[in-house]
Protein backbone atom coordinates (compact mmCIF):
# COMPACT_ATOMS: atom_id res chain seq x y z
CA UNK A 1 0.00 0.00 0.00
CA UNK A 2 2.98 2.34 0.51
CA UNK A 3 3.44 2.90 -3.25
CA UNK A 4 -0.24 3.85 -3.52
CA UNK A 5 0.12 6.34 -0.68
CA UNK A 6 3.21 7.83 -2.34
CA UNK A 7 1.34 8.10 -5.63
CA UNK A 8 -1.62 9.77 -3.91
CA UNK A 9 0.69 12.34 -2.33
CA UNK A 10 2.85 12.90 -5.41
CA UNK A 11 -0.06 13.84 -7.68
CA UNK A 12 -1.29 16.91 -5.75
CA UNK A 13 2.32 18.03 -5.15
CA UNK A 14 3.04 17.99 -8.89
CA UNK A 15 -0.20 19.81 -9.75
CA UNK A 16 0.30 22.56 -7.13
CA UNK A 17 4.01 22.90 -7.93
CA UNK A 18 3.26 23.59 -11.59
CA UNK A 19 1.00 26.55 -10.77
CA UNK A 20 3.74 29.15 -10.33
CA UNK A 21 1.78 32.10 -11.72
CA UNK A 22 -1.78 33.10 -10.92
CA UNK A 23 -4.35 34.59 -13.25
CA UNK A 24 -5.39 38.15 -12.51
CA UNK A 25 -8.51 39.50 -14.15
CA UNK A 26 -8.31 42.86 -15.93
CA UNK A 27 -11.87 43.86 -16.84
CA UNK A 28 -12.40 46.79 -19.22
CA UNK A 29 -15.30 49.20 -19.01
CA UNK A 30 -15.89 51.08 -22.29
CA UNK A 31 -17.82 53.91 -20.55
CA UNK A 32 -14.97 54.37 -18.06
CA UNK A 33 -12.41 54.43 -20.89
CA UNK A 34 -14.45 57.01 -22.79
CA UNK A 35 -14.71 59.18 -19.66
CA UNK A 36 -10.95 58.98 -19.14
CA UNK A 37 -10.34 60.03 -22.75
CA UNK A 38 -12.72 62.97 -22.43
CA UNK A 39 -11.00 64.22 -19.27
CA UNK A 40 -7.47 64.19 -20.68
CA UNK A 41 -5.73 67.53 -20.20
CA UNK A 42 -2.45 69.21 -21.09
CA UNK A 43 -2.46 70.55 -17.51
CA UNK A 44 -2.25 67.02 -16.09
CA UNK A 45 0.56 66.97 -13.47
CA UNK A 46 1.24 63.33 -14.40
CA UNK A 47 2.09 64.52 -17.90
CA UNK A 48 4.63 66.94 -16.47
CA UNK A 49 6.23 64.21 -14.33
CA UNK A 50 6.38 61.80 -17.25
CA UNK A 51 7.90 64.41 -19.59
CA UNK A 52 10.65 65.03 -17.05
CA UNK A 53 11.34 61.38 -16.22
CA UNK A 54 11.06 60.03 -19.74
CA UNK A 55 12.87 62.69 -21.76
CA UNK A 56 14.43 65.16 -19.35
CA UNK A 57 12.02 67.93 -20.38
CA UNK A 58 11.81 70.49 -17.57
CA UNK A 59 9.14 73.14 -18.19
CA UNK A 60 9.81 76.53 -16.56
CA UNK A 61 6.31 76.48 -15.06
CA UNK A 62 3.21 74.34 -15.04
CA UNK A 63 0.76 74.49 -16.66
CA UNK A 64 2.80 75.57 -19.66
CA UNK A 65 1.99 79.03 -20.92
CA UNK A 66 3.02 78.24 -24.48
CA UNK A 67 3.27 74.99 -26.41
CA UNK A 68 5.58 74.41 -29.36
CA UNK A 69 6.24 71.44 -31.61
CA UNK A 70 8.56 69.75 -29.12
CA UNK A 71 6.24 69.96 -26.13
CA UNK A 72 3.18 69.01 -28.20
CA UNK A 73 5.06 66.00 -29.56
CA UNK A 74 5.93 64.86 -26.05
CA UNK A 75 2.29 65.22 -25.05
CA UNK A 76 1.33 63.11 -28.06
CA UNK A 77 3.87 60.47 -27.00
CA UNK A 78 2.11 60.40 -23.64
CA UNK A 79 -1.48 60.33 -24.86
CA UNK A 80 -1.36 58.66 -28.31
CA UNK A 81 -3.38 55.40 -28.48
CA UNK A 82 -1.33 54.33 -31.51
CA UNK A 83 1.80 54.34 -29.36
CA UNK A 84 -0.02 52.36 -26.67
CA UNK A 85 -0.71 49.67 -29.27
CA UNK A 86 2.89 49.73 -30.52
CA UNK A 87 4.23 49.47 -26.96
CA UNK A 88 1.95 46.50 -26.27
CA UNK A 89 3.11 44.77 -29.46
CA UNK A 90 6.74 45.39 -28.47
CA UNK A 91 6.05 43.80 -25.08
CA UNK A 92 4.53 40.76 -26.83
CA UNK A 93 7.64 40.43 -29.00
CA UNK A 94 9.90 40.72 -25.94
CA UNK A 95 7.94 37.97 -24.22
CA UNK A 96 8.40 35.81 -27.34
CA UNK A 97 12.17 35.91 -26.71
CA UNK A 98 11.54 34.34 -23.30
CA UNK A 99 9.32 31.73 -24.91
CA UNK A 100 11.99 30.91 -27.50
CA UNK A 101 14.59 30.43 -24.78
CA UNK A 102 12.55 27.99 -22.70
CA UNK A 103 14.02 24.50 -22.44
CA UNK A 104 11.62 21.57 -22.81
CA UNK A 105 10.45 20.19 -19.49
CA UNK A 106 11.15 16.59 -18.53
CA UNK A 107 8.23 14.22 -18.16
CA UNK A 108 7.52 11.64 -15.50
CA UNK A 109 5.28 8.62 -15.60
CA UNK A 110 4.04 6.40 -12.81
CA UNK A 111 2.41 3.07 -13.58
CA UNK A 112 1.09 1.01 -10.66
CA UNK A 113 -0.38 -2.40 -11.42
CA UNK A 114 -0.88 -5.95 -10.27
CA UNK A 115 -1.00 -9.48 -11.62
CA UNK A 116 -4.26 -11.38 -11.83
CA UNK A 117 -3.52 -14.15 -9.29
CA UNK A 118 -4.82 -13.10 -5.87
CA UNK A 119 -1.57 -13.82 -4.08
CA UNK A 120 0.62 -11.81 -6.49
CA UNK A 121 2.55 -8.82 -5.21
CA UNK A 122 2.05 -5.20 -6.16
CA UNK A 123 3.78 -3.90 -9.31
CA UNK A 124 5.07 -0.34 -9.52
CA UNK A 125 6.74 1.46 -12.46
CA UNK A 126 8.33 4.92 -12.66
CA UNK A 127 9.65 6.50 -15.87
CA UNK A 128 11.50 9.77 -16.37
CA UNK A 129 12.11 11.38 -19.77
CA UNK A 130 14.62 14.24 -20.22
CA UNK A 131 14.55 15.78 -23.72
CA UNK A 132 17.86 17.19 -24.97
CA UNK A 133 17.78 19.56 -27.95
CA UNK A 134 20.61 19.16 -30.43
CA UNK A 135 22.25 21.14 -33.24
CA UNK A 136 21.77 24.52 -31.55
CA UNK A 137 17.99 24.68 -32.13
CA UNK A 138 17.35 26.72 -29.00
CA UNK A 139 19.96 29.28 -29.99
CA UNK A 140 18.41 29.71 -33.44
CA UNK A 141 14.96 30.15 -31.87
CA UNK A 142 16.28 32.80 -29.52
CA UNK A 143 18.10 34.58 -32.36
CA UNK A 144 14.97 34.65 -34.52
CA UNK A 145 12.77 35.91 -31.69
CA UNK A 146 15.37 38.53 -30.76
CA UNK A 147 15.41 39.89 -34.32
CA UNK A 148 11.61 40.02 -34.37
CA UNK A 149 11.64 41.77 -31.00
CA UNK A 150 14.04 44.38 -32.37
CA UNK A 151 11.81 44.76 -35.44
CA UNK A 152 8.87 45.40 -33.11
CA UNK A 153 10.87 48.05 -31.24
CA UNK A 154 11.70 49.70 -34.55
CA UNK A 155 7.99 49.62 -35.37
CA UNK A 156 7.39 51.41 -32.08
CA UNK A 157 9.92 54.08 -33.05
CA UNK A 158 8.35 54.35 -36.51
CA UNK A 159 4.92 54.81 -34.93
CA UNK A 160 6.40 57.54 -32.74
CA UNK A 161 7.70 59.29 -35.84
CA UNK A 162 4.28 58.98 -37.48
CA UNK A 163 2.72 60.57 -34.38
CA UNK A 164 5.24 63.42 -34.52
CA UNK A 165 4.59 63.86 -38.26
CA UNK A 166 0.83 64.18 -37.69
CA UNK A 167 1.35 66.69 -34.89
CA UNK A 168 3.70 68.74 -37.07
CA UNK A 169 1.34 68.83 -40.05
CA UNK A 170 -1.67 69.66 -37.85
CA UNK A 171 0.23 72.43 -36.06
CA UNK A 172 1.34 73.94 -39.38
CA UNK A 173 -2.23 73.82 -40.70
CA UNK A 174 -3.63 75.46 -37.57
CA UNK A 175 -1.07 78.25 -37.32
CA UNK A 176 -1.49 79.22 -40.95
CA UNK A 177 -5.27 78.95 -40.72
CA UNK A 178 -5.22 81.50 -37.90
CA UNK A 179 -2.98 83.83 -39.91
CA UNK A 180 -5.14 83.42 -43.00
CA UNK A 181 -8.21 84.54 -41.06
CA UNK A 182 -6.35 87.64 -39.86
CA UNK A 183 -5.30 88.45 -43.44
CA UNK A 184 -8.83 87.95 -44.75
CA UNK A 185 -10.27 90.21 -42.07
CA UNK A 186 -7.83 92.92 -43.08
CA UNK A 187 -8.81 92.45 -46.71
CA UNK A 188 -12.52 92.54 -45.85
CA UNK A 189 -11.97 95.85 -44.05
CA UNK A 190 -10.33 97.34 -47.13
CA UNK A 191 -12.83 95.80 -49.55
CA UNK A 192 -15.70 97.26 -47.50
CA UNK A 193 -14.36 100.76 -48.13
CA UNK A 194 -13.62 100.06 -51.79
CA UNK A 195 -17.22 99.94 -53.17
CA UNK A 196 -18.09 103.22 -51.40
CA UNK A 197 -15.13 104.93 -53.02
CA UNK A 198 -16.06 103.52 -56.41
CA UNK A 199 -19.66 104.71 -55.92
CA UNK A 200 -18.40 108.26 -55.42
CA UNK A 201 -16.39 107.96 -58.62
CA UNK A 202 -19.54 106.78 -60.41
CA UNK A 203 -21.52 109.74 -59.14
CA UNK A 204 -19.01 112.17 -60.62
CA UNK A 205 -18.92 110.18 -63.84
CA UNK A 206 -15.36 108.93 -63.60
CA UNK A 207 -16.24 105.20 -63.33
CA UNK A 208 -19.03 103.15 -64.86
CA UNK A 209 -21.74 101.56 -62.63
CA UNK A 210 -20.79 97.93 -63.46
CA UNK A 211 -17.53 98.38 -61.59
CA UNK A 212 -19.51 99.02 -58.41
CA UNK A 213 -21.43 95.79 -58.93
CA UNK A 214 -18.20 93.89 -59.54
CA UNK A 215 -16.68 95.27 -56.33
CA UNK A 216 -19.78 94.35 -54.32
CA UNK A 217 -19.75 90.79 -55.69
CA UNK A 218 -16.05 90.49 -54.83
CA UNK A 219 -16.79 91.70 -51.29
CA UNK A 220 -19.56 89.11 -50.87
CA UNK A 221 -17.26 86.34 -52.06
CA UNK A 222 -14.53 87.55 -49.74
CA UNK A 223 -16.87 87.46 -46.74
CA UNK A 224 -17.85 83.90 -47.64
CA UNK A 225 -14.15 83.02 -47.85
CA UNK A 226 -13.66 84.53 -44.38
CA UNK A 227 -16.45 82.39 -42.92
CA UNK A 228 -14.90 79.31 -44.52
CA UNK A 229 -11.47 80.24 -43.18
CA UNK A 230 -12.84 80.71 -39.65
CA UNK A 231 -14.36 77.25 -39.89
CA UNK A 232 -10.99 75.94 -41.04
CA UNK A 233 -9.42 77.30 -37.86
CA UNK A 234 -11.83 75.20 -35.79
CA UNK A 235 -11.26 72.16 -37.99
CA UNK A 236 -7.47 72.34 -37.81
CA UNK A 237 -7.64 72.97 -34.05
CA UNK A 238 -9.66 69.76 -33.62
CA UNK A 239 -7.26 67.90 -35.93
CA UNK A 240 -4.28 68.99 -33.82
CA UNK A 241 -6.00 67.85 -30.64
CA UNK A 242 -6.77 64.49 -32.27
CA UNK A 243 -3.13 64.12 -33.36
CA UNK A 244 -2.05 64.65 -29.74
CA UNK A 245 -4.69 62.25 -28.42
CA UNK A 246 -6.74 64.71 -26.37
CA UNK A 247 -10.22 66.19 -26.77
CA UNK A 248 -10.52 69.49 -28.58
CA UNK A 249 -11.58 71.22 -25.37
CA UNK A 250 -8.26 70.28 -23.73
CA UNK A 251 -6.39 72.37 -26.30
CA UNK A 252 -8.67 75.41 -25.97
CA UNK A 253 -6.98 78.51 -24.65
CA UNK A 254 -3.43 77.20 -25.17
CA UNK A 255 -0.99 79.52 -26.91
CA UNK A 256 0.68 77.66 -29.75
CA UNK A 257 3.97 78.93 -31.17
CA UNK A 258 6.50 77.98 -33.81
CA UNK A 259 9.40 80.43 -34.00
CA UNK A 260 11.04 80.47 -37.41
CA UNK A 261 8.13 78.89 -39.24
CA UNK A 262 8.40 81.55 -41.96
CA UNK A 263 12.02 80.70 -42.81
CA UNK A 264 12.31 77.13 -44.11
CA UNK A 265 15.79 76.05 -45.28
CA UNK A 266 16.86 76.67 -48.86
CA UNK A 267 16.82 73.58 -51.11
CA UNK A 268 20.55 73.95 -51.75
CA UNK A 269 21.14 72.95 -48.11
CA UNK A 270 19.49 69.58 -48.87
CA UNK A 271 21.66 67.94 -51.56
CA UNK A 272 19.81 64.97 -53.11
CA UNK A 273 22.61 62.40 -52.82
CA UNK A 274 23.21 63.26 -49.18
CA UNK A 275 19.49 63.05 -48.50
CA UNK A 276 19.23 59.65 -50.22
CA UNK A 277 22.09 58.25 -48.17
CA UNK A 278 20.63 59.68 -44.98
CA UNK A 279 17.22 58.19 -45.81
CA UNK A 280 18.61 54.69 -46.45
CA UNK A 281 20.73 54.86 -43.30
CA UNK A 282 18.12 56.41 -41.03
CA UNK A 283 14.74 55.10 -42.20
CA UNK A 284 13.26 52.86 -39.55
CA UNK A 285 11.35 50.71 -42.04
CA UNK A 286 14.66 49.80 -43.73
CA UNK A 287 16.14 48.78 -40.38
CA UNK A 288 12.97 46.85 -39.53
CA UNK A 289 13.05 45.02 -42.87
CA UNK A 290 16.67 44.09 -42.17
CA UNK A 291 15.74 42.67 -38.76
CA UNK A 292 12.92 40.69 -40.35
CA UNK A 293 15.38 39.31 -42.90
CA UNK A 294 17.73 38.24 -40.10
CA UNK A 295 14.80 36.60 -38.32
CA UNK A 296 13.96 34.68 -41.51
CA UNK A 297 17.59 33.61 -41.73
CA UNK A 298 17.53 32.34 -38.14
CA UNK A 299 14.32 30.44 -38.90
CA UNK A 300 16.02 28.76 -41.87
CA UNK A 301 18.93 27.74 -39.63
CA UNK A 302 16.43 26.34 -37.16
CA UNK A 303 14.64 24.29 -39.81
CA UNK A 304 17.95 22.94 -41.13
CA UNK A 305 18.95 22.01 -37.57
CA UNK A 306 15.69 20.10 -37.16
CA UNK A 307 17.08 17.48 -39.53
CA UNK A 308 19.07 16.29 -36.53
CA UNK A 309 16.78 14.53 -34.05
CA UNK A 310 16.60 15.50 -30.41
CA UNK A 311 17.69 12.96 -27.81
CA UNK A 312 15.46 11.69 -25.02
CA UNK A 313 17.23 10.40 -21.93
CA UNK A 314 14.89 8.21 -19.92
CA UNK A 315 15.96 6.47 -16.74
CA UNK A 316 13.29 4.13 -15.37
CA UNK A 317 12.48 2.20 -12.21
CA UNK A 318 10.21 -0.83 -11.71
CA UNK A 319 9.23 -2.69 -8.58
CA UNK A 320 7.84 -6.19 -9.00
CA UNK A 321 7.46 -9.05 -6.52
CA UNK A 322 9.99 -7.61 -4.10
CA UNK A 323 12.58 -6.99 -6.80
CA UNK A 324 13.86 -3.59 -7.96
CA UNK A 325 14.62 -2.98 -11.64
CA UNK A 326 16.52 0.11 -12.84
CA UNK A 327 16.82 0.90 -16.55
CA UNK A 328 18.37 3.63 -18.68
CA UNK A 329 16.62 4.40 -21.96
CA UNK A 330 18.03 6.50 -24.79
CA UNK A 331 15.68 7.36 -27.66
CA UNK A 332 15.49 9.60 -30.69
CA UNK A 333 13.26 10.10 -33.71
CA UNK A 334 14.67 8.36 -36.77
CA UNK A 335 14.62 10.66 -39.82
CA UNK A 336 13.64 7.89 -42.22
CA UNK A 337 10.38 9.11 -43.75
CA UNK A 338 11.30 12.80 -44.06
CA UNK A 339 14.23 15.11 -43.48
CA UNK A 340 12.18 18.23 -42.74
CA UNK A 341 12.24 19.13 -46.44
CA UNK A 342 8.95 21.04 -46.40
CA UNK A 343 9.71 23.44 -43.53
CA UNK A 344 13.21 24.01 -44.92
CA UNK A 345 11.79 24.93 -48.33
CA UNK A 346 9.26 27.26 -46.68
CA UNK A 347 12.00 28.91 -44.61
CA UNK A 348 14.16 29.41 -47.71
CA UNK A 349 11.24 31.00 -49.54
CA UNK A 350 10.50 33.23 -46.54
CA UNK A 351 14.11 34.37 -46.43
CA UNK A 352 14.02 35.18 -50.14
CA UNK A 353 10.76 37.10 -49.66
CA UNK A 354 12.27 39.03 -46.73
CA UNK A 355 15.29 39.92 -48.88
CA UNK A 356 13.02 41.13 -51.68
CA UNK A 357 11.03 43.16 -49.17
CA UNK A 358 14.23 44.80 -47.90
CA UNK A 359 15.24 45.74 -51.44
CA UNK A 360 11.75 47.07 -52.21
CA UNK A 361 11.78 49.13 -49.00
CA UNK A 362 15.13 50.69 -49.88
CA UNK A 363 13.88 51.48 -53.38
CA UNK A 364 10.75 53.11 -51.95
CA UNK A 365 12.84 55.13 -49.51
CA UNK A 366 15.07 56.49 -52.28
CA UNK A 367 12.11 57.38 -54.52
CA UNK A 368 10.27 58.99 -51.58
CA UNK A 369 13.33 61.09 -50.84
CA UNK A 370 13.73 62.23 -54.46
CA UNK A 371 10.03 63.01 -54.84
CA UNK A 372 9.84 64.94 -51.57
CA UNK A 373 12.93 66.98 -52.41
CA UNK A 374 11.56 67.83 -55.86
CA UNK A 375 8.22 68.87 -54.37
CA UNK A 376 9.97 70.99 -51.74
CA UNK A 377 12.16 72.69 -54.36
CA UNK A 378 9.02 73.61 -56.32
CA UNK A 379 7.25 74.89 -53.20
CA UNK A 380 10.29 76.91 -52.18
CA UNK A 381 10.53 78.46 -55.65
CA UNK A 382 6.88 79.52 -55.34
CA UNK A 383 7.67 80.94 -51.91
CA UNK A 384 10.53 83.00 -53.30
CA UNK A 385 8.32 84.30 -56.11
CA UNK A 386 5.59 85.23 -53.60
CA UNK A 387 8.17 87.10 -51.51
CA UNK A 388 9.34 89.08 -54.53
CA UNK A 389 5.76 89.90 -55.47
CA UNK A 390 4.96 91.15 -51.96
CA UNK A 391 8.14 93.23 -51.91
CA UNK A 392 7.29 94.86 -55.23
CA UNK A 393 3.68 95.58 -54.24
CA UNK A 394 4.74 96.99 -50.88
CA UNK A 395 7.02 99.40 -52.75
CA UNK A 396 4.13 100.36 -55.05
CA UNK A 397 1.91 100.88 -52.00
CA UNK A 398 4.49 103.21 -50.44
CA UNK A 399 4.64 105.21 -53.67
CA UNK A 400 0.83 105.40 -53.81
CA UNK A 401 0.67 106.63 -50.21
CA UNK A 402 3.30 109.27 -50.93
CA UNK A 403 1.35 110.44 -53.98
CA UNK A 404 -1.84 110.53 -51.90
CA UNK A 405 -0.21 112.72 -49.25
CA UNK A 406 1.15 114.96 -52.02
CA UNK A 407 -2.34 115.30 -53.49
CA UNK A 408 -1.26 113.79 -56.81
CA UNK A 409 -3.61 110.77 -56.65
CA UNK A 410 -6.91 109.79 -55.08
CA UNK A 411 -7.73 107.61 -52.11
CA UNK A 412 -9.15 104.96 -54.41
CA UNK A 413 -5.74 104.37 -55.98
CA UNK A 414 -4.06 104.19 -52.58
CA UNK A 415 -6.58 101.65 -51.24
CA UNK A 416 -6.28 99.68 -54.48
CA UNK A 417 -2.51 99.48 -54.00
CA UNK A 418 -2.99 98.38 -50.38
CA UNK A 419 -5.50 95.74 -51.45
CA UNK A 420 -3.05 94.32 -53.98
CA UNK A 421 -0.44 94.07 -51.24
CA UNK A 422 -2.84 92.30 -48.86
CA UNK A 423 -3.85 89.84 -51.59
CA UNK A 424 -0.18 89.15 -52.34
CA UNK A 425 0.52 88.64 -48.63
CA UNK A 426 -2.28 86.07 -48.54
CA UNK A 427 -0.60 84.31 -51.46
CA UNK A 428 2.68 84.47 -49.53
CA UNK A 429 0.98 82.85 -46.53
CA UNK A 430 -0.24 80.02 -48.74
CA UNK A 431 3.24 79.63 -50.26
CA UNK A 432 4.76 79.41 -46.78
CA UNK A 433 2.16 76.82 -45.80
CA UNK A 434 2.93 74.70 -48.85
CA UNK A 435 6.67 75.01 -48.23
CA UNK A 436 6.30 73.83 -44.63
CA UNK A 437 4.05 70.93 -45.63
CA UNK A 438 6.53 69.93 -48.36
CA UNK A 439 9.38 70.19 -45.86
CA UNK A 440 7.40 67.83 -43.64
CA UNK A 441 7.35 65.33 -46.49
CA UNK A 442 11.13 65.61 -46.75
CA UNK A 443 11.42 64.93 -43.03
CA UNK A 444 9.09 61.94 -43.39
CA UNK A 445 11.26 60.61 -46.22
CA UNK A 446 14.27 60.80 -43.89
CA UNK A 447 12.35 60.08 -40.68
CA UNK A 448 14.37 62.73 -38.92
CA UNK A 449 13.89 66.49 -38.45
CA UNK A 450 15.63 68.86 -40.82
CA UNK A 451 16.13 71.58 -38.21
CA UNK A 452 18.01 70.43 -35.08
CA UNK A 453 15.97 70.27 -31.91
CA UNK A 454 12.56 70.21 -33.58
CA UNK A 455 11.70 66.68 -32.50
CA UNK A 456 12.30 65.11 -29.11
CA UNK A 457 13.66 61.60 -28.97
CA UNK A 458 11.18 58.80 -28.44
CA UNK A 459 11.06 58.33 -24.64
CA UNK A 460 11.98 54.83 -23.48
CA UNK A 461 9.70 55.03 -20.46
CA UNK A 462 6.07 54.27 -21.24
CA UNK A 463 3.40 56.46 -19.60
CA UNK A 464 1.21 55.24 -16.80
């Protein structure tokens, strides 16, 4: 009966001993999540602590009085749900490295029994099997999982850049939308005076009546454009808040600045060959494709190694009729019916596909860089032309004002010259907007900022 008692005690011990980790429930409440999203704020003291701990950002005061691209980007790193997903995926990939490094557990077997005659003694058998991996399979698994983990981390960094890119574009759109409204209001003020002056000229017979009608129609259209532009301010404000990951109300009342936004770099400072080399060297998707290729290579090595069977070392013990029997078993799978040809062929094809993907990614990076630089050069040329036009019209406006003060021209001519200048300044605003958006495409092609210090590094410390 002693073997039966030992077996009865051994079973619960093995079951309890295997349960090293306990399950912890993590229920999710969609209403609670929605409420938390709605109450996000740039004044959150936890945001300030995280910005300091994660990136060394030390604001002079809190809440911040002004927000620029750097501080808004850090806030987006803190709040962005896309980065939360990327961080979770990176954690999954890190855990996969642990999984790949696990050694197979040994197995035990206990087999009590008895012979049919009533006077026979109790029979007891105990078997132990220790699997031993050969040909470096575990090392290849770890190497493959490590490369995939690094690829996941690069994906996290690429997601961070995408977040920064969206914040940059949204901030540019908003700042120029605000300035466009101011320019339109100035133009509306001038255009409101213009029809009255033309009407006076009509009354004295110097101008025909249709010109008054044309001026009134232009004023109506301009007022409609102003209403549209004011709506665009609200739209771009909401888009910026969404890019950060906060509700629109959380961004209300914040002063947003971008010093130097009107002076983008000249295209000559961005030589194409240098930009191509920087793109290939710096682009995160190229580095990620390389890690995926290395992972495919490790998988091929693993499949080749699986041609060599693992060894199973199995000492055994049997008790029968008062006698003790000890045995030592050594077993392995015989590779007679297959030599792992299928998985090896799949792994070779996967490595070839990963190599082709790497080449395609590099090709895309180079073409993206060339296209973005060409677009930026065109936008910058338009900006230069708009600057020259404004400069010329400002000079004409000064001359018109001098003639007005000298009594050599009328007020209508002076206001007309001022209107032309305001219209040209609006065109200059649009040219600056297009230049900044095109510069953003160049930065996206390189996945690095053109101007130093305009993008904080991706913090290693995750929020919350």
